[in-house]
């Protein structure tokens, strides 16, 4: 097997699949906008203070907020499909911490955060032509100087292609890591296991019956090769995490907004992926969410951060606030961390899923 050829082939197939995930899209450019971050901006009546706005207009303000609202109608061409709302800013690929960030509301309800890493929001898995949806976005321009140019789209997504894309992406990325680590044996093994799935794919006529049959065959091969629980090999588990500096290149007030964006995105992911688990290393962030008020927090039961924590899908870890420790010894750090963790949990985390402090302490008897 020519490893360089196989690596390049896998990369090219992934690039082709990525281009096919979005079947077609329609730009949404007509909006109403209002400066500032009015509390009920997602559903309030729009008076004369709301101005007509066309997406694609340069926004040059730094550290500024602006509401955008519009109504979208599902076109005939998207009937019966998975439809997403896509937001781009021209800052994709740049650092997310100081670049534009947003809260996305669908029909008056907070759905998730949007940033350079999270740009798509599912509108519906089964669209109906003629259905109307109210879109509201509270945008924060970020801390980077320069024109910000926002574009928004409705797009049809092919879930089967997207699923295959990621099932191929994981082993390919693993192969790159193994190559970098000079682990030629496992590098070769991964590429050899991927090859039959790549052979099975027929990309000559995208979206045809033959095309989808080849996707099913490739998925069967990949599942057996990489994702079967019957295989006797190490199992890698990934736990979601967000680390947010309380006050670094931004104010504490901006941190409170970052928490809402991050946690609403996490809750959205939990709805979409039942196996997804998340942990936060700063219990004070949950307190920020609690103080935000009901209008800024997802109201549906499944999106309650406390219920998710109590169910084991979302867990608090670490100390209440990231400290600037001077390391004396690892045992000293461990004792300090455990004491701080317990103290913060007893004061705050019992608001989210724990009834008494004894419920919390039972989690930490092993220490």
Protein backbone atom coordinates (compact mmCIF):
# COMPACT_ATOMS: atom_id res chain seq x y z
CA UNK A 1 0.00 0.00 0.00
CA UNK A 2 1.28 3.45 -0.93
CA UNK A 3 0.58 5.38 2.28
CA UNK A 4 1.09 8.81 0.75
CA UNK A 5 -1.41 7.98 -2.02
CA UNK A 6 -3.98 6.58 0.44
CA UNK A 7 -3.67 9.60 2.70
CA UNK A 8 -4.14 11.98 -0.22
CA UNK A 9 -7.06 9.95 -1.58
CA UNK A 10 -8.85 10.02 1.76
CA UNK A 11 -8.30 13.77 2.05
CA UNK A 12 -9.66 14.38 -1.46
CA UNK A 13 -12.76 12.24 -0.85
CA UNK A 14 -13.45 14.18 2.36
CA UNK A 15 -13.17 17.49 0.52
CA UNK A 16 -15.61 16.25 -2.14
CA UNK A 17 -18.08 15.05 0.50
CA UNK A 18 -17.84 18.32 2.41
CA UNK A 19 -18.88 20.25 -0.69
CA UNK A 20 -21.91 17.97 -1.08
CA UNK A 21 -23.25 18.32 2.49
CA UNK A 22 -25.10 21.55 1.67
CA UNK A 23 -27.40 20.72 -1.23
CA UNK A 24 -28.42 24.32 -1.88
CA UNK A 25 -28.90 27.57 0.01
CA UNK A 26 -30.72 30.87 -0.21
CA UNK A 27 -29.30 34.14 1.10
CA UNK A 28 -31.38 36.10 3.62
CA UNK A 29 -30.41 39.76 3.48
CA UNK A 30 -33.39 41.92 4.54
CA UNK A 31 -33.53 42.69 8.29
CA UNK A 32 -34.57 45.19 10.92
CA UNK A 33 -31.81 46.23 13.31
CA UNK A 34 -31.41 48.14 16.54
CA UNK A 35 -28.28 49.28 18.35
CA UNK A 36 -27.65 48.03 21.88
CA UNK A 37 -28.83 44.93 23.73
CA UNK A 38 -32.44 45.59 24.66
CA UNK A 39 -33.59 42.82 27.03
CA UNK A 40 -36.70 41.76 25.09
CA UNK A 41 -35.28 42.43 21.65
CA UNK A 42 -36.12 38.93 20.42
CA UNK A 43 -39.89 39.42 20.63
CA UNK A 44 -40.68 43.09 21.41
CA UNK A 45 -42.75 45.18 19.01
CA UNK A 46 -40.49 46.91 16.50
CA UNK A 47 -41.08 50.64 16.63
CA UNK A 48 -39.41 53.52 14.80
CA UNK A 49 -36.13 52.86 16.64
CA UNK A 50 -35.68 49.72 14.51
CA UNK A 51 -34.08 50.53 11.16
CA UNK A 52 -34.02 48.67 7.86
CA UNK A 53 -30.77 46.79 7.47
CA UNK A 54 -29.23 44.80 4.65
CA UNK A 55 -26.83 42.02 5.56
CA UNK A 56 -23.48 42.45 3.89
CA UNK A 57 -23.22 46.04 5.11
CA UNK A 58 -19.91 46.63 6.90
CA UNK A 59 -20.14 46.93 10.72
CA UNK A 60 -17.03 48.73 11.95
CA UNK A 61 -17.82 49.17 15.67
CA UNK A 62 -15.76 47.37 18.30
CA UNK A 63 -17.18 46.03 21.58
CA UNK A 64 -20.71 46.83 20.42
CA UNK A 65 -24.10 45.08 20.42
CA UNK A 66 -26.81 45.07 17.80
CA UNK A 67 -30.12 43.24 17.35
CA UNK A 68 -31.10 41.80 13.97
CA UNK A 69 -34.59 40.48 13.23
CA UNK A 70 -36.29 39.05 10.18
CA UNK A 71 -38.98 36.58 9.11
CA UNK A 72 -38.05 33.69 6.83
CA UNK A 73 -40.44 31.58 4.75
CA UNK A 74 -39.49 28.04 3.78
CA UNK A 75 -39.40 27.91 -0.06
CA UNK A 76 -40.80 25.05 -2.12
CA UNK A 77 -37.30 23.85 -2.96
CA UNK A 78 -36.66 23.08 0.74
CA UNK A 79 -39.90 21.22 1.44
CA UNK A 80 -39.35 17.98 3.37
CA UNK A 81 -35.65 18.63 3.98
CA UNK A 82 -33.36 19.36 6.93
CA UNK A 83 -33.04 23.16 6.88
CA UNK A 84 -30.39 25.12 8.75
CA UNK A 85 -29.68 28.81 9.23
CA UNK A 86 -26.07 29.71 8.43
CA UNK A 87 -24.31 32.85 9.69
CA UNK A 88 -20.90 33.92 8.40
CA UNK A 89 -18.85 36.94 9.43
CA UNK A 90 -15.69 36.73 7.33
CA UNK A 91 -13.73 35.92 10.47
CA UNK A 92 -13.97 32.15 10.08
CA UNK A 93 -10.70 30.44 10.98
CA UNK A 94 -9.71 33.23 13.35
CA UNK A 95 -9.62 33.11 17.15
CA UNK A 96 -13.14 32.74 18.55
CA UNK A 97 -12.48 34.38 21.94
CA UNK A 98 -12.33 37.98 20.71
CA UNK A 99 -14.24 37.72 17.44
CA UNK A 100 -17.98 38.19 16.82
CA UNK A 101 -20.36 36.16 18.96
CA UNK A 102 -24.15 35.98 18.96
CA UNK A 103 -27.25 34.63 20.64
CA UNK A 104 -29.69 33.07 18.17
CA UNK A 105 -33.46 33.08 18.82
CA UNK A 106 -35.96 31.06 16.79
CA UNK A 107 -39.61 32.10 17.10
CA UNK A 108 -38.80 34.00 20.30
CA UNK A 109 -36.91 31.14 21.98
CA UNK A 110 -33.18 31.11 22.66
CA UNK A 111 -31.64 28.27 20.65
CA UNK A 112 -27.86 28.53 20.90
CA UNK A 113 -24.80 30.69 20.60
CA UNK A 114 -23.16 31.50 17.28
CA UNK A 115 -19.46 32.20 16.71
CA UNK A 116 -16.73 31.38 14.21
CA UNK A 117 -16.84 27.73 15.33
CA UNK A 118 -20.63 27.35 15.58
CA UNK A 119 -22.26 28.89 12.51
CA UNK A 120 -25.20 26.62 11.72
CA UNK A 121 -28.53 26.45 13.56
CA UNK A 122 -31.12 23.80 12.73
CA UNK A 123 -34.45 25.41 11.89
CA UNK A 124 -36.30 22.13 11.27
CA UNK A 125 -35.42 18.53 10.41
CA UNK A 126 -38.50 18.26 8.19
CA UNK A 127 -39.28 21.59 6.57
CA UNK A 128 -42.70 22.47 5.21
CA UNK A 129 -42.95 24.89 2.30
CA UNK A 130 -44.69 28.12 3.28
CA UNK A 131 -43.89 27.84 7.01
CA UNK A 132 -42.70 31.12 8.51
CA UNK A 133 -40.14 31.52 11.29
CA UNK A 134 -39.12 34.58 13.26
CA UNK A 135 -35.35 34.98 13.45
CA UNK A 136 -33.69 37.22 16.03
CA UNK A 137 -29.95 37.57 16.61
CA UNK A 138 -28.25 39.54 19.37
CA UNK A 139 -24.81 40.15 17.90
CA UNK A 140 -21.66 41.26 19.70
CA UNK A 141 -19.05 42.71 17.33
CA UNK A 142 -16.04 41.47 19.31
CA UNK A 143 -12.75 43.12 20.19
CA UNK A 144 -10.97 42.97 16.83
CA UNK A 145 -10.79 46.18 14.83
CA UNK A 146 -11.90 46.16 11.21
CA UNK A 147 -15.07 45.83 9.17
CA UNK A 148 -17.36 42.99 10.12
CA UNK A 149 -19.44 41.74 7.19
CA UNK A 150 -22.26 39.38 8.17
CA UNK A 151 -24.09 37.16 5.69
CA UNK A 152 -26.97 34.80 6.51
CA UNK A 153 -28.52 31.91 4.60
CA UNK A 154 -31.18 29.22 4.70
CA UNK A 155 -29.60 25.97 3.56
CA UNK A 156 -30.63 22.39 2.93
CA UNK A 157 -28.34 19.85 4.56
CA UNK A 158 -27.95 16.18 3.57
CA UNK A 159 -27.62 14.28 6.87
CA UNK A 160 -26.43 11.05 5.27
CA UNK A 161 -23.50 12.77 3.60
CA UNK A 162 -22.65 14.74 6.73
CA UNK A 163 -22.71 11.57 8.84
CA UNK A 164 -20.33 9.79 6.46
CA UNK A 165 -18.10 12.86 6.32
CA UNK A 166 -17.49 12.83 10.06
CA UNK A 167 -17.19 9.05 10.25
CA UNK A 168 -14.32 9.37 7.76
CA UNK A 169 -12.87 12.53 9.26
CA UNK A 170 -12.13 10.99 12.68
CA UNK A 171 -9.90 8.15 11.43
CA UNK A 172 -8.24 10.45 8.89
CA UNK A 173 -7.35 12.97 11.58
CA UNK A 174 -6.08 10.09 13.69
CA UNK A 175 -3.89 8.98 10.79
CA UNK A 176 -2.36 12.46 10.56
CA UNK A 177 -1.57 12.39 14.29
CA UNK A 178 -0.01 8.92 14.06
CA UNK A 179 2.07 10.04 11.09
CA UNK A 180 3.31 13.04 13.04
CA UNK A 181 4.13 10.80 16.01
CA UNK A 182 6.09 8.47 13.70
CA UNK A 183 3.84 5.53 14.65
CA UNK A 184 4.02 3.95 11.20
CA UNK A 185 2.42 0.65 12.20
CA UNK A 186 -0.85 2.20 13.44
CA UNK A 187 -0.71 4.91 10.77
CA UNK A 188 -0.68 2.16 8.13
CA UNK A 189 -3.38 0.19 9.96
CA UNK A 190 -5.81 3.11 10.02
CA UNK A 191 -5.38 3.80 6.32
CA UNK A 192 -5.77 0.12 5.48
CA UNK A 193 -9.02 -0.02 7.44
CA UNK A 194 -10.32 3.12 5.70
CA UNK A 195 -9.46 1.96 2.18
CA UNK A 196 -12.41 -0.44 1.65
CA UNK A 197 -14.88 2.30 2.61
CA UNK A 198 -13.26 4.70 0.14
CA UNK A 199 -13.35 1.98 -2.54
CA UNK A 200 -17.08 1.48 -1.92
CA UNK A 201 -17.98 5.12 -2.53
CA UNK A 202 -19.35 6.09 -5.93
CA UNK A 203 -19.15 9.88 -6.31
CA UNK A 204 -19.72 10.01 -10.08
CA UNK A 205 -23.35 11.15 -9.82
CA UNK A 206 -24.00 12.96 -6.56
CA UNK A 207 -27.42 12.51 -4.90
CA UNK A 208 -28.35 9.62 -7.21
CA UNK A 209 -29.71 6.30 -5.95
CA UNK A 210 -26.38 4.64 -6.72
CA UNK A 211 -24.58 7.38 -4.78
CA UNK A 212 -26.66 6.80 -1.63
CA UNK A 213 -26.30 3.03 -1.91
CA UNK A 214 -22.54 3.46 -1.93
CA UNK A 215 -22.78 5.68 1.17
CA UNK A 216 -24.67 2.94 3.03
CA UNK A 217 -22.05 0.38 2.06
CA UNK A 218 -19.20 2.68 3.15
CA UNK A 219 -20.92 3.31 6.48
CA UNK A 220 -21.25 -0.42 7.13
CA UNK A 221 -17.53 -0.87 6.50
CA UNK A 222 -16.55 2.06 8.74
CA UNK A 223 -18.82 0.94 11.55
CA UNK A 224 -17.26 -2.51 11.56
CA UNK A 225 -13.73 -1.13 11.27
CA UNK A 226 -13.84 1.77 13.75
CA UNK A 227 -17.12 2.14 15.60
CA UNK A 228 -18.16 -1.38 16.63
CA UNK A 229 -18.24 -2.12 20.36
CA UNK A 230 -17.33 -5.71 19.60
CA UNK A 231 -13.77 -4.85 18.66
CA UNK A 232 -11.12 -5.54 21.31
CA UNK A 233 -9.27 -2.25 21.30
CA UNK A 234 -9.00 0.92 23.39
CA UNK A 235 -12.14 3.04 23.50
CA UNK A 236 -11.69 6.81 23.30
CA UNK A 237 -14.31 8.96 25.00
CA UNK A 238 -14.56 12.70 24.37
CA UNK A 239 -16.13 14.98 26.99
CA UNK A 240 -17.27 18.45 25.97
CA UNK A 241 -15.73 21.34 27.90
CA UNK A 242 -15.64 25.10 27.72
CA UNK A 243 -13.07 27.16 29.58
CA UNK A 244 -14.00 30.82 29.96
CA UNK A 245 -11.64 33.31 31.57
CA UNK A 246 -13.74 35.43 33.92
CA UNK A 247 -11.94 38.69 33.11
CA UNK A 248 -9.02 38.60 30.72
CA UNK A 249 -9.37 40.42 27.39
CA UNK A 250 -12.95 41.36 28.22
CA UNK A 251 -15.10 42.54 31.11
CA UNK A 252 -16.96 40.37 33.62
CA UNK A 253 -20.15 41.62 31.96
CA UNK A 254 -19.00 40.13 28.66
CA UNK A 255 -18.13 36.90 30.47
CA UNK A 256 -21.77 36.64 31.60
CA UNK A 257 -22.81 36.88 27.97
CA UNK A 258 -20.21 34.32 26.90
CA UNK A 259 -21.62 31.87 29.45
CA UNK A 260 -25.13 32.18 27.99
CA UNK A 261 -23.81 31.65 24.48
CA UNK A 262 -21.65 28.68 25.43
CA UNK A 263 -24.13 26.90 27.70
CA UNK A 264 -27.07 27.37 25.33
CA UNK A 265 -24.94 25.82 22.58
CA UNK A 266 -24.06 22.91 24.87
CA UNK A 267 -27.72 22.31 25.71
CA UNK A 268 -28.59 22.38 22.03
CA UNK A 269 -25.91 19.77 21.34
CA UNK A 270 -27.31 17.60 24.13
CA UNK A 271 -30.72 17.69 22.44
CA UNK A 272 -29.23 16.74 19.09
CA UNK A 273 -26.80 14.09 20.36
CA UNK A 274 -28.15 12.00 23.29
CA UNK A 275 -24.70 10.56 24.09
CA UNK A 276 -23.05 13.98 24.39
CA UNK A 277 -21.66 14.81 27.83
CA UNK A 278 -20.26 18.08 29.10
CA UNK A 279 -18.32 19.40 32.07
CA UNK A 280 -17.43 22.89 33.25
CA UNK A 281 -14.44 23.57 35.49
CA UNK A 282 -15.84 26.80 36.98
CA UNK A 283 -19.03 26.49 39.09
CA UNK A 284 -19.31 30.28 39.21
CA UNK A 285 -20.39 30.15 35.56
CA UNK A 286 -23.55 28.26 36.57
CA UNK A 287 -24.25 31.06 39.03
CA UNK A 288 -23.98 33.56 36.17
CA UNK A 289 -26.57 31.56 34.24
CA UNK A 290 -28.86 31.46 37.26
CA UNK A 291 -28.67 35.24 37.66
CA UNK A 292 -29.31 35.86 33.96
CA UNK A 293 -33.04 35.44 34.47
CA UNK A 294 -35.62 33.22 32.83
CA UNK A 295 -35.88 35.36 29.69
CA UNK A 296 -32.27 34.56 28.79
CA UNK A 297 -32.28 30.83 29.56
CA UNK A 298 -33.78 27.95 27.61
CA UNK A 299 -37.16 27.19 29.21
CA UNK A 300 -37.81 23.67 27.98
CA UNK A 301 -37.19 20.97 30.58
CA UNK A 302 -34.59 19.12 28.54
CA UNK A 303 -32.49 22.27 28.29
CA UNK A 304 -32.33 22.99 32.02
CA UNK A 305 -28.61 23.01 32.95
CA UNK A 306 -29.45 21.86 36.47
CA UNK A 307 -31.43 18.84 35.29
CA UNK A 308 -28.65 17.91 32.90
CA UNK A 309 -26.10 18.15 35.71
CA UNK A 310 -28.21 16.06 38.01
CA UNK A 311 -28.67 13.44 35.29
CA UNK A 312 -24.92 13.06 34.88
CA UNK A 313 -24.80 14.58 31.40
CA UNK A 314 -23.40 17.88 32.66
CA UNK A 315 -20.95 17.97 35.54
CA UNK A 316 -19.15 20.63 37.54
CA UNK A 317 -15.45 20.12 38.16
CA UNK A 318 -12.55 22.17 39.47
CA UNK A 319 -12.69 25.29 41.61
CA UNK A 320 -15.24 28.08 41.56
CA UNK A 321 -12.93 30.53 39.81
CA UNK A 322 -9.74 29.74 37.95
CA UNK A 323 -6.97 30.58 40.45
CA UNK A 324 -3.45 31.81 39.90
CA UNK A 325 -1.85 29.14 42.07
CA UNK A 326 1.80 29.09 43.02
CA UNK A 327 2.52 25.38 42.97
CA UNK A 328 4.08 24.15 46.23
CA UNK A 329 3.37 20.47 45.65
CA UNK A 330 0.84 18.33 43.85
CA UNK A 331 -0.71 17.02 47.13
CA UNK A 332 -1.12 20.62 48.29
CA UNK A 333 -2.82 21.58 45.03
CA UNK A 334 -5.08 18.55 45.23
CA UNK A 335 -6.23 19.33 48.76
CA UNK A 336 -6.79 22.96 47.85
CA UNK A 337 -8.77 22.00 44.77
CA UNK A 338 -10.98 19.50 46.61
CA UNK A 339 -11.72 21.95 49.43
CA UNK A 340 -12.58 24.73 47.00
CA UNK A 341 -14.66 22.41 44.83
CA UNK A 342 -16.72 21.16 47.77
CA UNK A 343 -17.23 24.66 49.11
CA UNK A 344 -18.45 26.00 45.78
CA UNK A 345 -20.70 23.04 45.15
CA UNK A 346 -22.34 23.36 48.57
CA UNK A 347 -22.95 27.06 48.03
CA UNK A 348 -24.01 27.06 44.39
CA UNK A 349 -24.35 23.75 42.59
CA UNK A 350 -27.13 22.52 44.87
CA UNK A 351 -29.27 25.04 43.00
CA UNK A 352 -28.85 22.80 39.97
CA UNK A 353 -29.88 19.26 40.73
CA UNK A 354 -28.59 18.55 44.26
CA UNK A 355 -31.06 18.76 47.13
CA UNK A 356 -28.67 18.91 50.10
CA UNK A 357 -24.99 19.29 50.76
CA UNK A 358 -24.87 15.60 51.72
CA UNK A 359 -25.92 14.75 48.16
CA UNK A 360 -22.87 16.62 46.96
CA UNK A 361 -20.49 15.11 49.49
CA UNK A 362 -21.53 11.58 48.51
CA UNK A 363 -20.09 12.30 45.05
CA UNK A 364 -16.66 12.90 46.61
CA UNK A 365 -16.28 10.20 49.25
CA UNK A 366 -13.49 8.62 47.24
CA UNK A 367 -11.27 11.60 48.13
